[in-house]
Every structure is written in C-alpha cells, then in structure tokens.
C-alpha cells in the first residue's frame, strides 16, 4: 500500500503557521520543506521558527533543499524530526552526510533532482533507507510532473526491488495512479492537498487510488 504524506511548503512563518494549522488534523505523517535561497532560489521558514514538534505526537520528516545539509541535523533532532531527506546535488561528501544523519538517530533518505543521472546514487543506495525522486524542479509549487521521472523510477525498481522509493512534486490523482503501478512506496503531496477546499477529502481520494 502506498503511503501519502502531505507536505507543508512555506516561504515564511505566517504561511507556515496557516498551512500547519490547516493540515495538522488530517494525517499522522507530514513533510516540512526547508529552503536556503542558495540550493534553490526560494527561501522558506527558518528551522528555528517552527514549533517543538514532539508535543504533536506525529511523524515529521524534513526535506532539506539546502546546501551543506549536515549543519541542520542537530536542530532537526531537537525539534522532533524522525527522518531527513537531503539532495545528492547539495553536497560533495554524500557518505559523510549519511553518517552524520545516522549519528543523530535520524532516518536518511537521498533526494535526486529530475535532471540528475540515476548512476550518481547507485553506489550509495545501501547506505540509506530510501530514495526520493523529485517529480519537479525543487523549490517551487504548482509545477507539472516531469514524465521522464517515471522512467528513472522504473529503472531503479529493476535494479533494486527492496529500497523504499518516495516521490515528491507535481502529484495529482492521475500521477498518483501511475506511481502506484511503478511500486512507489511513499508519495508526497503539497499544494494539491493544502490548496484544495477540503484537504482531508483530497488526501482520502489520493489514498483510495
């Protein structure tokens, strides 16, 4: 069964608070996006500004669209995150970052951008819990899913049937159906859920697919 995780994407504290409040009751699992204005042009809420997540008794994962992801790990742990997703394009020392994530008892996932060749992650797959494929270029909402990503997911599945495959960006009902056929394990959905009139019902529809 595919797990659907709502994404909380925000540019500032006000936007974060609005979406956090709107979505908190509809799921037990959430992804919070962080952007540094360097790895991607946009900036997000600062990690220091989010509340202590431990009190909500839910599962939170951090998606770091940031350079030098290792510098965020201590604060992520303090805030109550359980899983860290970092981009392979954001660092030159993949194995070092993975080791540091594990040293904080956080679950490591590698994210790969649509234009990045699959070969770049293959030798590191055994070091992480899962791979997140970006269905769009990171750092911006309301983009259409890039079809070439389907092929990359399919290629990885042929090479490794056990690794957890996660997809983020551009997901709607038709995309979700195709991803399920490719045996994707986790799907993130941001604006498609948060901008809908009834986020709970939109999430239910995605789960039913």
N, C-alpha and C. Protein backbone atom coordinates (compact mmCIF):
# COMPACT_ATOMS: atom_id res chain seq x y z
N UNK A 1 0.85 -1.20 0.00
CA UNK A 1 0.00 0.00 0.00
C UNK A 1 0.88 1.26 0.00
N UNK A 2 0.52 2.23 -0.82
CA UNK A 2 1.28 3.47 -0.93
C UNK A 2 0.91 4.41 0.21
N UNK A 3 1.92 4.98 0.86
CA UNK A 3 1.67 5.96 1.92
C UNK A 3 1.65 7.36 1.30
N UNK A 4 0.63 8.15 1.61
CA UNK A 4 0.54 9.54 1.12
C UNK A 4 0.89 10.47 2.28
N UNK A 5 1.91 11.30 2.09
CA UNK A 5 2.34 12.22 3.15
C UNK A 5 2.15 13.67 2.68
N UNK A 6 1.29 14.43 3.35
CA UNK A 6 1.13 15.85 3.00
C UNK A 6 2.41 16.64 3.27
N UNK A 7 2.69 17.58 2.38
CA UNK A 7 3.88 18.42 2.50
C UNK A 7 3.48 19.83 2.93
N UNK A 8 4.22 20.37 3.89
CA UNK A 8 3.99 21.76 4.31
C UNK A 8 5.11 22.61 3.72
N UNK A 9 4.77 23.31 2.65
CA UNK A 9 5.71 24.17 1.92
C UNK A 9 5.38 25.61 2.27
N UNK A 10 6.38 26.39 2.66
CA UNK A 10 6.09 27.78 3.04
C UNK A 10 7.30 28.66 2.77
N UNK A 11 7.03 29.95 2.55
CA UNK A 11 8.11 30.92 2.33
C UNK A 11 8.44 31.71 3.60
N UNK A 12 7.54 31.68 4.58
CA UNK A 12 7.75 32.47 5.79
C UNK A 12 6.94 31.87 6.94
N UNK A 13 7.10 32.45 8.12
CA UNK A 13 6.45 31.92 9.32
C UNK A 13 4.92 32.00 9.23
N UNK A 14 4.41 33.09 8.68
CA UNK A 14 2.95 33.27 8.57
C UNK A 14 2.34 32.18 7.68
N UNK A 15 2.96 31.97 6.54
CA UNK A 15 2.47 30.96 5.60
C UNK A 15 2.59 29.56 6.21
N UNK A 16 3.68 29.31 6.91
CA UNK A 16 3.85 28.01 7.57
C UNK A 16 2.75 27.79 8.60
N UNK A 17 2.51 28.77 9.46
CA UNK A 17 1.51 28.62 10.52
C UNK A 17 0.12 28.35 9.95
N UNK A 18 -0.22 29.02 8.85
CA UNK A 18 -1.53 28.83 8.23
C UNK A 18 -1.69 27.41 7.70
N UNK A 19 -0.67 26.92 7.01
CA UNK A 19 -0.76 25.58 6.43
C UNK A 19 -0.65 24.50 7.50
N UNK A 20 0.20 24.73 8.47
CA UNK A 20 0.36 23.77 9.57
C UNK A 20 -0.96 23.58 10.30
N UNK A 21 -1.61 24.67 10.61
CA UNK A 21 -2.90 24.62 11.31
C UNK A 21 -3.98 23.94 10.46
N UNK A 22 -3.95 24.23 9.17
CA UNK A 22 -4.95 23.69 8.25
C UNK A 22 -4.82 22.18 8.06
N UNK A 23 -3.57 21.68 8.07
CA UNK A 23 -3.32 20.29 7.73
C UNK A 23 -3.12 19.36 8.93
N UNK A 24 -2.82 19.90 10.08
CA UNK A 24 -2.37 19.09 11.22
C UNK A 24 -3.32 17.96 11.57
N UNK A 25 -4.60 18.17 11.45
CA UNK A 25 -5.58 17.17 11.90
C UNK A 25 -5.87 16.08 10.87
N UNK A 26 -5.35 16.21 9.64
CA UNK A 26 -5.77 15.27 8.59
C UNK A 26 -4.84 14.05 8.43
N UNK A 27 -3.68 14.07 9.10
CA UNK A 27 -2.73 12.97 8.91
C UNK A 27 -1.85 12.81 10.15
N UNK A 28 -1.21 11.65 10.23
CA UNK A 28 -0.22 11.42 11.29
C UNK A 28 1.20 11.57 10.77
N UNK A 29 1.33 11.82 9.46
CA UNK A 29 2.64 11.93 8.83
C UNK A 29 2.72 13.21 8.00
N UNK A 30 3.82 13.95 8.17
CA UNK A 30 3.99 15.20 7.44
C UNK A 30 5.44 15.39 6.99
N UNK A 31 5.58 16.07 5.86
CA UNK A 31 6.90 16.53 5.43
C UNK A 31 6.91 18.05 5.54
N UNK A 32 8.01 18.58 6.10
CA UNK A 32 8.19 20.04 6.15
C UNK A 32 9.38 20.39 5.28
N UNK A 33 9.18 21.32 4.36
CA UNK A 33 10.22 21.73 3.42
C UNK A 33 11.05 22.88 3.96
N UNK A 34 12.36 22.79 3.75
CA UNK A 34 13.26 23.88 4.12
C UNK A 34 14.10 24.27 2.91
N UNK A 35 14.17 25.58 2.66
CA UNK A 35 14.91 26.11 1.51
C UNK A 35 15.81 27.25 1.97
N UNK A 36 17.04 27.26 1.45
CA UNK A 36 18.02 28.24 1.94
C UNK A 36 18.27 29.43 1.01
N UNK A 37 17.60 29.45 -0.15
CA UNK A 37 17.82 30.55 -1.09
C UNK A 37 19.13 30.41 -1.86
N UNK A 38 19.83 29.30 -1.66
CA UNK A 38 21.11 29.05 -2.34
C UNK A 38 21.04 27.80 -3.22
N UNK A 39 20.67 26.68 -2.59
CA UNK A 39 20.49 25.46 -3.38
C UNK A 39 19.31 25.62 -4.33
N UNK A 40 18.26 26.27 -3.85
CA UNK A 40 17.13 26.69 -4.69
C UNK A 40 16.95 28.19 -4.48
N UNK A 41 16.36 28.90 -5.47
CA UNK A 41 16.23 30.36 -5.34
C UNK A 41 15.34 30.81 -4.18
N UNK A 42 14.34 30.01 -3.83
CA UNK A 42 13.39 30.40 -2.79
C UNK A 42 13.95 30.18 -1.39
N UNK A 43 13.39 30.94 -0.44
CA UNK A 43 13.69 30.74 0.97
C UNK A 43 12.41 30.31 1.69
N UNK A 44 12.60 29.50 2.73
CA UNK A 44 11.45 29.02 3.50
C UNK A 44 11.49 29.58 4.91
N UNK A 45 10.55 29.13 5.71
CA UNK A 45 10.59 29.42 7.14
C UNK A 45 11.93 28.92 7.69
N UNK A 46 12.48 29.65 8.63
CA UNK A 46 13.72 29.23 9.28
C UNK A 46 13.42 28.07 10.23
N UNK A 47 14.30 27.10 10.27
CA UNK A 47 14.12 25.94 11.14
C UNK A 47 13.90 26.33 12.59
N UNK A 48 14.55 27.40 13.03
CA UNK A 48 14.42 27.85 14.42
C UNK A 48 13.01 28.36 14.73
N UNK A 49 12.26 28.73 13.69
CA UNK A 49 10.94 29.34 13.89
C UNK A 49 9.80 28.33 14.00
N UNK A 50 10.06 27.07 13.67
CA UNK A 50 8.97 26.11 13.76
C UNK A 50 8.81 25.64 15.21
N UNK A 51 7.61 25.21 15.58
CA UNK A 51 7.38 24.80 16.98
C UNK A 51 8.10 23.50 17.31
N UNK A 52 8.14 23.17 18.58
CA UNK A 52 8.66 21.87 19.01
C UNK A 52 7.65 20.81 18.57
N UNK A 53 8.05 19.98 17.64
CA UNK A 53 7.12 19.02 17.03
C UNK A 53 6.83 17.81 17.91
N UNK A 54 7.64 17.60 18.93
CA UNK A 54 7.47 16.42 19.79
C UNK A 54 6.09 16.41 20.48
N UNK A 55 5.57 17.60 20.76
CA UNK A 55 4.31 17.67 21.51
C UNK A 55 3.09 17.24 20.68
N UNK A 56 3.25 17.15 19.35
CA UNK A 56 2.11 16.81 18.49
C UNK A 56 1.94 15.30 18.32
N UNK A 57 2.94 14.54 18.70
CA UNK A 57 2.88 13.08 18.65
C UNK A 57 2.53 12.56 17.24
N UNK A 58 3.17 13.14 16.26
CA UNK A 58 3.01 12.70 14.87
C UNK A 58 4.40 12.50 14.28
N UNK A 59 4.45 11.98 13.07
CA UNK A 59 5.73 11.72 12.42
C UNK A 59 6.06 12.84 11.43
N UNK A 60 7.19 13.48 11.65
CA UNK A 60 7.60 14.58 10.78
C UNK A 60 8.92 14.24 10.09
N UNK A 61 8.96 14.50 8.78
CA UNK A 61 10.20 14.35 8.03
C UNK A 61 10.59 15.72 7.48
N UNK A 62 11.90 15.96 7.42
CA UNK A 62 12.41 17.24 6.91
C UNK A 62 12.98 17.03 5.51
N UNK A 63 12.55 17.87 4.59
CA UNK A 63 13.10 17.85 3.22
C UNK A 63 14.01 19.07 3.09
N UNK A 64 15.32 18.82 3.09
CA UNK A 64 16.31 19.89 3.05
C UNK A 64 16.70 20.24 1.62
N UNK A 65 16.13 21.32 1.11
CA UNK A 65 16.54 21.84 -0.20
C UNK A 65 17.58 22.93 0.08
N UNK A 66 18.70 22.49 0.64
CA UNK A 66 19.71 23.40 1.20
C UNK A 66 21.11 22.85 0.95
N UNK A 67 22.06 23.77 0.79
CA UNK A 67 23.46 23.38 0.74
C UNK A 67 23.93 22.99 2.14
N UNK A 68 24.94 22.15 2.21
CA UNK A 68 25.52 21.72 3.49
C UNK A 68 24.44 21.21 4.46
N UNK A 69 23.72 20.18 4.07
CA UNK A 69 22.61 19.67 4.92
C UNK A 69 23.03 19.27 6.32
N UNK A 70 24.31 18.91 6.48
CA UNK A 70 24.77 18.43 7.80
C UNK A 70 24.64 19.48 8.89
N UNK A 71 24.64 20.76 8.53
CA UNK A 71 24.59 21.80 9.56
C UNK A 71 23.20 21.96 10.19
N UNK A 72 22.19 21.31 9.62
CA UNK A 72 20.82 21.41 10.13
C UNK A 72 20.46 20.26 11.06
N UNK A 73 21.27 19.24 11.12
CA UNK A 73 20.88 17.98 11.76
C UNK A 73 20.62 18.09 13.26
N UNK A 74 21.48 18.80 13.97
CA UNK A 74 21.31 18.95 15.41
C UNK A 74 19.97 19.59 15.75
N UNK A 75 19.63 20.65 15.01
CA UNK A 75 18.37 21.36 15.25
C UNK A 75 17.16 20.52 14.84
N UNK A 76 17.31 19.75 13.77
CA UNK A 76 16.21 18.86 13.35
C UNK A 76 15.89 17.86 14.44
N UNK A 77 16.94 17.30 15.03
CA UNK A 77 16.74 16.33 16.12
C UNK A 77 16.05 16.97 17.31
N UNK A 78 16.49 18.17 17.68
CA UNK A 78 15.90 18.88 18.83
C UNK A 78 14.43 19.20 18.59
N UNK A 79 14.08 19.51 17.35
CA UNK A 79 12.70 19.88 17.02
C UNK A 79 11.76 18.68 16.96
N UNK A 80 12.33 17.48 16.86
CA UNK A 80 11.47 16.29 16.88
C UNK A 80 11.28 15.61 15.54
N UNK A 81 12.12 15.93 14.56
CA UNK A 81 12.04 15.23 13.27
C UNK A 81 12.57 13.81 13.43
N UNK A 82 12.03 12.89 12.63
CA UNK A 82 12.48 11.50 12.68
C UNK A 82 13.22 11.08 11.42
N UNK A 83 13.04 11.84 10.35
CA UNK A 83 13.61 11.46 9.06
C UNK A 83 14.14 12.70 8.36
N UNK A 84 15.29 12.55 7.70
CA UNK A 84 15.91 13.66 6.99
C UNK A 84 16.14 13.30 5.53
N UNK A 85 15.62 14.12 4.64
CA UNK A 85 15.81 13.93 3.20
C UNK A 85 16.74 15.04 2.72
N UNK A 86 17.88 14.65 2.15
CA UNK A 86 18.81 15.65 1.63
C UNK A 86 19.10 15.36 0.16
N UNK A 87 19.46 16.40 -0.58
CA UNK A 87 19.71 16.26 -2.02
C UNK A 87 21.15 15.86 -2.29
N UNK A 88 21.31 14.88 -3.17
CA UNK A 88 22.68 14.46 -3.50
C UNK A 88 23.44 15.60 -4.20
N UNK A 89 22.70 16.51 -4.82
CA UNK A 89 23.34 17.63 -5.53
C UNK A 89 23.81 18.72 -4.57
N UNK A 90 23.45 18.60 -3.29
CA UNK A 90 23.74 19.67 -2.33
C UNK A 90 25.05 19.49 -1.59
N UNK A 91 25.74 18.37 -1.84
CA UNK A 91 26.97 18.10 -1.09
C UNK A 91 27.95 17.31 -1.94
N UNK A 92 29.24 17.44 -1.63
CA UNK A 92 30.27 16.66 -2.32
C UNK A 92 30.67 15.43 -1.51
N UNK A 93 30.17 15.35 -0.28
CA UNK A 93 30.54 14.22 0.58
C UNK A 93 29.29 13.48 1.05
N UNK A 94 28.72 12.73 0.13
CA UNK A 94 27.47 12.00 0.40
C UNK A 94 27.58 11.08 1.61
N UNK A 95 28.60 10.26 1.63
CA UNK A 95 28.73 9.29 2.71
C UNK A 95 28.91 9.96 4.07
N UNK A 96 29.62 11.08 4.09
CA UNK A 96 29.81 11.82 5.35
C UNK A 96 28.48 12.35 5.87
N UNK A 97 27.67 12.89 4.96
CA UNK A 97 26.36 13.41 5.36
C UNK A 97 25.49 12.28 5.89
N UNK A 98 25.49 11.15 5.19
CA UNK A 98 24.69 10.00 5.61
C UNK A 98 25.12 9.52 7.01
N UNK A 99 26.42 9.45 7.24
CA UNK A 99 26.94 9.05 8.55
C UNK A 99 26.49 10.00 9.65
N UNK A 100 26.52 11.31 9.35
CA UNK A 100 26.11 12.31 10.35
C UNK A 100 24.62 12.21 10.65
N UNK A 101 23.82 11.97 9.62
CA UNK A 101 22.38 11.81 9.83
C UNK A 101 22.13 10.63 10.77
N UNK A 102 22.81 9.53 10.51
CA UNK A 102 22.66 8.34 11.36
C UNK A 102 23.17 8.57 12.78
N UNK A 103 24.20 9.39 12.91
CA UNK A 103 24.75 9.66 14.25
C UNK A 103 23.76 10.41 15.13
N UNK A 104 22.81 11.12 14.51
CA UNK A 104 21.76 11.82 15.25
C UNK A 104 20.50 10.96 15.39
N UNK A 105 20.63 9.67 15.01
CA UNK A 105 19.49 8.74 15.09
C UNK A 105 18.32 9.21 14.24
N UNK A 106 18.64 9.81 13.10
CA UNK A 106 17.63 10.22 12.12
C UNK A 106 17.68 9.25 10.94
N UNK A 107 16.54 9.07 10.28
CA UNK A 107 16.47 8.15 9.14
C UNK A 107 16.93 8.88 7.88
N UNK A 108 17.96 8.38 7.18
CA UNK A 108 18.47 9.08 6.00
C UNK A 108 17.80 8.66 4.68
N UNK A 109 17.35 9.67 3.93
CA UNK A 109 16.85 9.47 2.57
C UNK A 109 17.62 10.41 1.64
N UNK A 110 17.96 9.93 0.46
CA UNK A 110 18.59 10.77 -0.55
C UNK A 110 17.54 11.24 -1.55
N UNK A 111 17.58 12.52 -1.89
CA UNK A 111 16.70 13.06 -2.93
C UNK A 111 17.51 13.30 -4.20
N UNK A 112 16.85 13.07 -5.34
CA UNK A 112 17.51 13.25 -6.63
C UNK A 112 16.64 14.12 -7.54
N UNK A 113 17.24 15.15 -8.11
CA UNK A 113 16.51 16.06 -8.99
C UNK A 113 16.20 15.41 -10.34
N UNK A 114 15.19 15.92 -11.06
CA UNK A 114 14.77 15.29 -12.32
C UNK A 114 15.89 15.15 -13.36
N UNK A 115 16.82 16.11 -13.39
CA UNK A 115 17.86 16.10 -14.43
C UNK A 115 19.11 15.31 -14.02
N UNK A 116 19.19 14.88 -12.77
CA UNK A 116 20.38 14.17 -12.28
C UNK A 116 20.33 12.70 -12.72
N UNK A 117 21.46 12.19 -13.21
CA UNK A 117 21.52 10.81 -13.68
C UNK A 117 21.43 9.83 -12.50
N UNK A 118 20.69 8.78 -12.74
CA UNK A 118 20.46 7.74 -11.73
C UNK A 118 21.78 7.12 -11.24
N UNK A 119 22.76 7.02 -12.14
CA UNK A 119 24.05 6.39 -11.80
C UNK A 119 24.73 7.04 -10.59
N UNK A 120 24.42 8.32 -10.35
CA UNK A 120 25.09 9.05 -9.27
C UNK A 120 24.71 8.55 -7.87
N UNK A 121 23.57 7.86 -7.78
CA UNK A 121 23.14 7.40 -6.45
C UNK A 121 23.37 5.90 -6.23
N UNK A 122 23.60 5.15 -7.30
CA UNK A 122 23.59 3.69 -7.21
C UNK A 122 24.56 3.12 -6.18
N UNK A 123 25.75 3.67 -6.10
CA UNK A 123 26.74 3.13 -5.17
C UNK A 123 26.48 3.51 -3.71
N UNK A 124 25.47 4.38 -3.49
CA UNK A 124 25.17 4.84 -2.12
C UNK A 124 23.85 4.29 -1.58
N UNK A 125 23.14 3.55 -2.42
CA UNK A 125 21.80 3.08 -2.04
C UNK A 125 21.81 2.25 -0.76
N UNK A 126 22.82 1.42 -0.60
CA UNK A 126 22.86 0.54 0.58
C UNK A 126 23.08 1.31 1.88
N UNK A 127 23.47 2.58 1.77
CA UNK A 127 23.75 3.38 2.97
C UNK A 127 22.52 4.12 3.51
N UNK A 128 21.45 4.18 2.70
CA UNK A 128 20.27 4.96 3.10
C UNK A 128 19.04 4.07 3.18
N UNK A 129 17.99 4.61 3.80
CA UNK A 129 16.73 3.88 3.97
C UNK A 129 15.88 3.96 2.70
N UNK A 130 16.04 5.07 1.95
CA UNK A 130 15.21 5.23 0.76
C UNK A 130 15.70 6.34 -0.15
N UNK A 131 15.08 6.39 -1.34
CA UNK A 131 15.39 7.40 -2.36
C UNK A 131 14.15 8.20 -2.66
N UNK A 132 14.28 9.53 -2.64
CA UNK A 132 13.18 10.40 -3.03
C UNK A 132 13.47 10.97 -4.41
N UNK A 133 12.56 10.70 -5.35
CA UNK A 133 12.65 11.28 -6.69
C UNK A 133 11.83 12.56 -6.72
N UNK A 134 12.46 13.65 -7.14
CA UNK A 134 11.71 14.88 -7.36
C UNK A 134 10.98 14.79 -8.70
N UNK A 135 9.67 14.99 -8.66
CA UNK A 135 8.87 14.97 -9.90
C UNK A 135 8.88 16.30 -10.61
N UNK A 136 9.43 17.30 -9.93
CA UNK A 136 9.53 18.67 -10.47
C UNK A 136 10.89 19.23 -10.05
N UNK A 137 11.21 20.41 -10.54
CA UNK A 137 12.43 21.07 -10.07
C UNK A 137 12.15 21.63 -8.67
N UNK A 138 13.03 21.38 -7.71
CA UNK A 138 12.75 21.73 -6.31
C UNK A 138 12.66 23.23 -6.07
N UNK A 139 11.86 23.60 -5.04
CA UNK A 139 11.82 24.98 -4.58
C UNK A 139 10.66 25.81 -5.08
N UNK A 140 9.73 25.19 -5.81
CA UNK A 140 8.62 25.97 -6.37
C UNK A 140 7.38 25.10 -6.44
N UNK A 141 6.23 25.68 -6.09
CA UNK A 141 4.96 24.96 -6.12
C UNK A 141 4.29 25.06 -7.50
N UNK A 142 3.20 24.32 -7.64
CA UNK A 142 2.31 24.40 -8.82
C UNK A 142 3.02 24.08 -10.13
N UNK A 143 3.92 23.09 -10.09
CA UNK A 143 4.58 22.64 -11.31
C UNK A 143 3.97 21.31 -11.78
N UNK A 144 4.08 21.06 -13.08
CA UNK A 144 3.60 19.79 -13.61
C UNK A 144 4.67 18.71 -13.48
N UNK A 145 4.22 17.51 -13.23
CA UNK A 145 5.13 16.36 -13.07
C UNK A 145 5.90 16.15 -14.37
N UNK A 146 7.21 15.94 -14.25
CA UNK A 146 8.07 15.74 -15.42
C UNK A 146 8.05 14.25 -15.80
N UNK A 147 7.50 13.90 -16.97
CA UNK A 147 7.28 12.50 -17.34
C UNK A 147 8.52 11.62 -17.35
N UNK A 148 9.69 12.18 -17.64
CA UNK A 148 10.92 11.38 -17.71
C UNK A 148 11.27 10.74 -16.36
N UNK A 149 10.69 11.27 -15.27
CA UNK A 149 10.97 10.72 -13.94
C UNK A 149 10.37 9.31 -13.79
N UNK A 150 9.26 9.06 -14.48
CA UNK A 150 8.68 7.71 -14.44
C UNK A 150 9.70 6.66 -14.86
N UNK A 151 10.44 6.96 -15.93
CA UNK A 151 11.43 6.02 -16.46
C UNK A 151 12.54 5.76 -15.45
N UNK A 152 12.99 6.83 -14.77
CA UNK A 152 14.06 6.68 -13.77
C UNK A 152 13.60 5.81 -12.60
N UNK A 153 12.36 6.01 -12.18
CA UNK A 153 11.82 5.19 -11.09
C UNK A 153 11.78 3.72 -11.51
N UNK A 154 11.31 3.49 -12.72
CA UNK A 154 11.22 2.14 -13.26
C UNK A 154 12.60 1.48 -13.34
N UNK A 155 13.60 2.25 -13.76
CA UNK A 155 14.97 1.73 -13.86
C UNK A 155 15.50 1.33 -12.49
N UNK A 156 15.25 2.19 -11.48
CA UNK A 156 15.73 1.87 -10.13
C UNK A 156 15.03 0.63 -9.59
N UNK A 157 13.73 0.53 -9.83
CA UNK A 157 12.97 -0.63 -9.35
C UNK A 157 13.50 -1.94 -9.94
N UNK A 158 13.96 -1.89 -11.20
CA UNK A 158 14.52 -3.09 -11.83
C UNK A 158 15.85 -3.48 -11.18
N UNK A 159 16.61 -2.46 -10.75
CA UNK A 159 17.91 -2.70 -10.14
C UNK A 159 17.81 -3.07 -8.66
N UNK A 160 16.79 -2.52 -8.01
CA UNK A 160 16.64 -2.73 -6.56
C UNK A 160 15.16 -2.76 -6.20
N UNK A 161 14.66 -3.94 -5.89
CA UNK A 161 13.23 -4.09 -5.61
C UNK A 161 12.88 -3.79 -4.15
N UNK A 162 13.89 -3.70 -3.28
CA UNK A 162 13.63 -3.55 -1.84
C UNK A 162 13.69 -2.11 -1.34
N UNK A 163 14.49 -1.27 -1.98
CA UNK A 163 14.67 0.11 -1.50
C UNK A 163 13.34 0.85 -1.48
N UNK A 164 13.12 1.66 -0.44
CA UNK A 164 11.91 2.48 -0.37
C UNK A 164 12.03 3.61 -1.39
N UNK A 165 11.03 3.72 -2.26
CA UNK A 165 11.02 4.78 -3.27
C UNK A 165 9.93 5.79 -2.91
N UNK A 166 10.34 7.05 -2.83
CA UNK A 166 9.44 8.14 -2.47
C UNK A 166 9.44 9.16 -3.61
N UNK A 167 8.31 9.80 -3.86
CA UNK A 167 8.20 10.80 -4.93
C UNK A 167 7.55 12.05 -4.39
N UNK A 168 8.12 13.19 -4.78
CA UNK A 168 7.63 14.49 -4.29
C UNK A 168 7.55 15.48 -5.45
N UNK A 169 6.41 16.15 -5.59
CA UNK A 169 6.28 17.23 -6.56
C UNK A 169 5.42 16.89 -7.76
N UNK A 170 4.43 17.74 -8.02
CA UNK A 170 3.58 17.60 -9.21
C UNK A 170 2.58 16.47 -9.14
N UNK A 171 2.30 15.99 -7.94
CA UNK A 171 1.40 14.83 -7.80
C UNK A 171 -0.06 15.27 -7.80
N UNK A 172 -0.83 14.67 -8.71
CA UNK A 172 -2.29 14.78 -8.68
C UNK A 172 -2.83 13.36 -8.79
N UNK A 173 -4.12 13.20 -9.00
CA UNK A 173 -4.71 11.85 -8.99
C UNK A 173 -4.15 10.96 -10.11
N UNK A 174 -4.01 11.51 -11.32
CA UNK A 174 -3.53 10.69 -12.44
C UNK A 174 -2.06 10.31 -12.25
N UNK A 175 -1.25 11.24 -11.73
CA UNK A 175 0.16 10.94 -11.45
C UNK A 175 0.26 9.88 -10.36
N UNK A 176 -0.54 10.02 -9.32
CA UNK A 176 -0.52 9.06 -8.20
C UNK A 176 -0.83 7.65 -8.69
N UNK A 177 -1.76 7.51 -9.61
CA UNK A 177 -2.11 6.18 -10.16
C UNK A 177 -0.91 5.56 -10.85
N UNK A 178 -0.20 6.35 -11.67
CA UNK A 178 0.96 5.85 -12.40
C UNK A 178 2.08 5.46 -11.44
N UNK A 179 2.27 6.27 -10.41
CA UNK A 179 3.33 5.99 -9.43
C UNK A 179 3.04 4.70 -8.66
N UNK A 180 1.77 4.48 -8.35
CA UNK A 180 1.39 3.26 -7.65
C UNK A 180 1.71 2.02 -8.49
N UNK A 181 1.50 2.11 -9.80
CA UNK A 181 1.81 1.00 -10.70
C UNK A 181 3.30 0.71 -10.76
N UNK A 182 4.12 1.75 -10.50
CA UNK A 182 5.57 1.59 -10.51
C UNK A 182 6.11 1.12 -9.16
N UNK A 183 5.17 0.79 -8.26
CA UNK A 183 5.52 0.30 -6.92
C UNK A 183 6.28 1.33 -6.08
N UNK A 184 5.87 2.58 -6.21
CA UNK A 184 6.39 3.64 -5.35
C UNK A 184 5.82 3.42 -3.94
N UNK A 185 6.65 3.60 -2.93
CA UNK A 185 6.25 3.32 -1.54
C UNK A 185 5.56 4.51 -0.87
N UNK A 186 6.09 5.72 -1.13
CA UNK A 186 5.61 6.94 -0.46
C UNK A 186 5.43 8.04 -1.50
N UNK A 187 4.32 8.76 -1.39
CA UNK A 187 4.07 9.91 -2.26
C UNK A 187 3.82 11.14 -1.40
N UNK A 188 4.54 12.21 -1.70
CA UNK A 188 4.29 13.50 -1.03
C UNK A 188 3.38 14.35 -1.90
N UNK A 189 2.49 15.06 -1.27
CA UNK A 189 1.62 16.00 -1.99
C UNK A 189 1.54 17.30 -1.22
N UNK A 190 1.89 18.38 -1.88
CA UNK A 190 1.91 19.70 -1.24
C UNK A 190 0.69 20.52 -1.55
N UNK A 191 0.80 21.41 -2.54
CA UNK A 191 -0.28 22.35 -2.85
C UNK A 191 -1.55 21.64 -3.32
N UNK A 192 -1.43 20.45 -3.91
CA UNK A 192 -2.62 19.73 -4.37
C UNK A 192 -3.56 19.44 -3.20
N UNK A 193 -2.98 19.18 -2.03
CA UNK A 193 -3.79 18.97 -0.82
C UNK A 193 -4.06 20.30 -0.11
N UNK A 194 -2.99 21.07 0.16
CA UNK A 194 -3.14 22.26 1.00
C UNK A 194 -3.99 23.35 0.36
N UNK A 195 -4.01 23.43 -0.98
CA UNK A 195 -4.80 24.46 -1.66
C UNK A 195 -6.22 24.02 -1.98
N UNK A 196 -6.53 22.77 -1.71
CA UNK A 196 -7.88 22.28 -2.02
C UNK A 196 -8.89 22.79 -0.99
N UNK A 197 -10.14 22.81 -1.37
CA UNK A 197 -11.19 23.31 -0.46
C UNK A 197 -11.36 22.39 0.74
N UNK A 198 -11.16 21.09 0.51
CA UNK A 198 -11.30 20.12 1.59
C UNK A 198 -10.06 19.21 1.59
N UNK A 199 -8.98 19.63 2.28
CA UNK A 199 -7.74 18.85 2.29
C UNK A 199 -7.92 17.41 2.75
N UNK A 200 -8.77 17.20 3.73
CA UNK A 200 -9.00 15.84 4.25
C UNK A 200 -9.57 14.93 3.16
N UNK A 201 -10.54 15.45 2.41
CA UNK A 201 -11.16 14.67 1.35
C UNK A 201 -10.19 14.43 0.19
N UNK A 202 -9.38 15.44 -0.13
CA UNK A 202 -8.37 15.29 -1.19
C UNK A 202 -7.36 14.22 -0.82
N UNK A 203 -6.92 14.21 0.43
CA UNK A 203 -5.99 13.18 0.92
C UNK A 203 -6.66 11.81 0.85
N UNK A 204 -7.92 11.73 1.23
CA UNK A 204 -8.64 10.45 1.19
C UNK A 204 -8.71 9.92 -0.24
N UNK A 205 -8.96 10.81 -1.21
CA UNK A 205 -9.05 10.41 -2.61
C UNK A 205 -7.70 9.86 -3.11
N UNK A 206 -6.63 10.55 -2.74
CA UNK A 206 -5.29 10.08 -3.14
C UNK A 206 -5.00 8.71 -2.55
N UNK A 207 -5.36 8.53 -1.28
CA UNK A 207 -5.13 7.23 -0.62
C UNK A 207 -5.94 6.12 -1.29
N UNK A 208 -7.16 6.44 -1.74
CA UNK A 208 -8.04 5.42 -2.32
C UNK A 208 -7.53 4.94 -3.67
N UNK A 209 -6.63 5.69 -4.31
CA UNK A 209 -6.11 5.31 -5.62
C UNK A 209 -5.11 4.18 -5.50
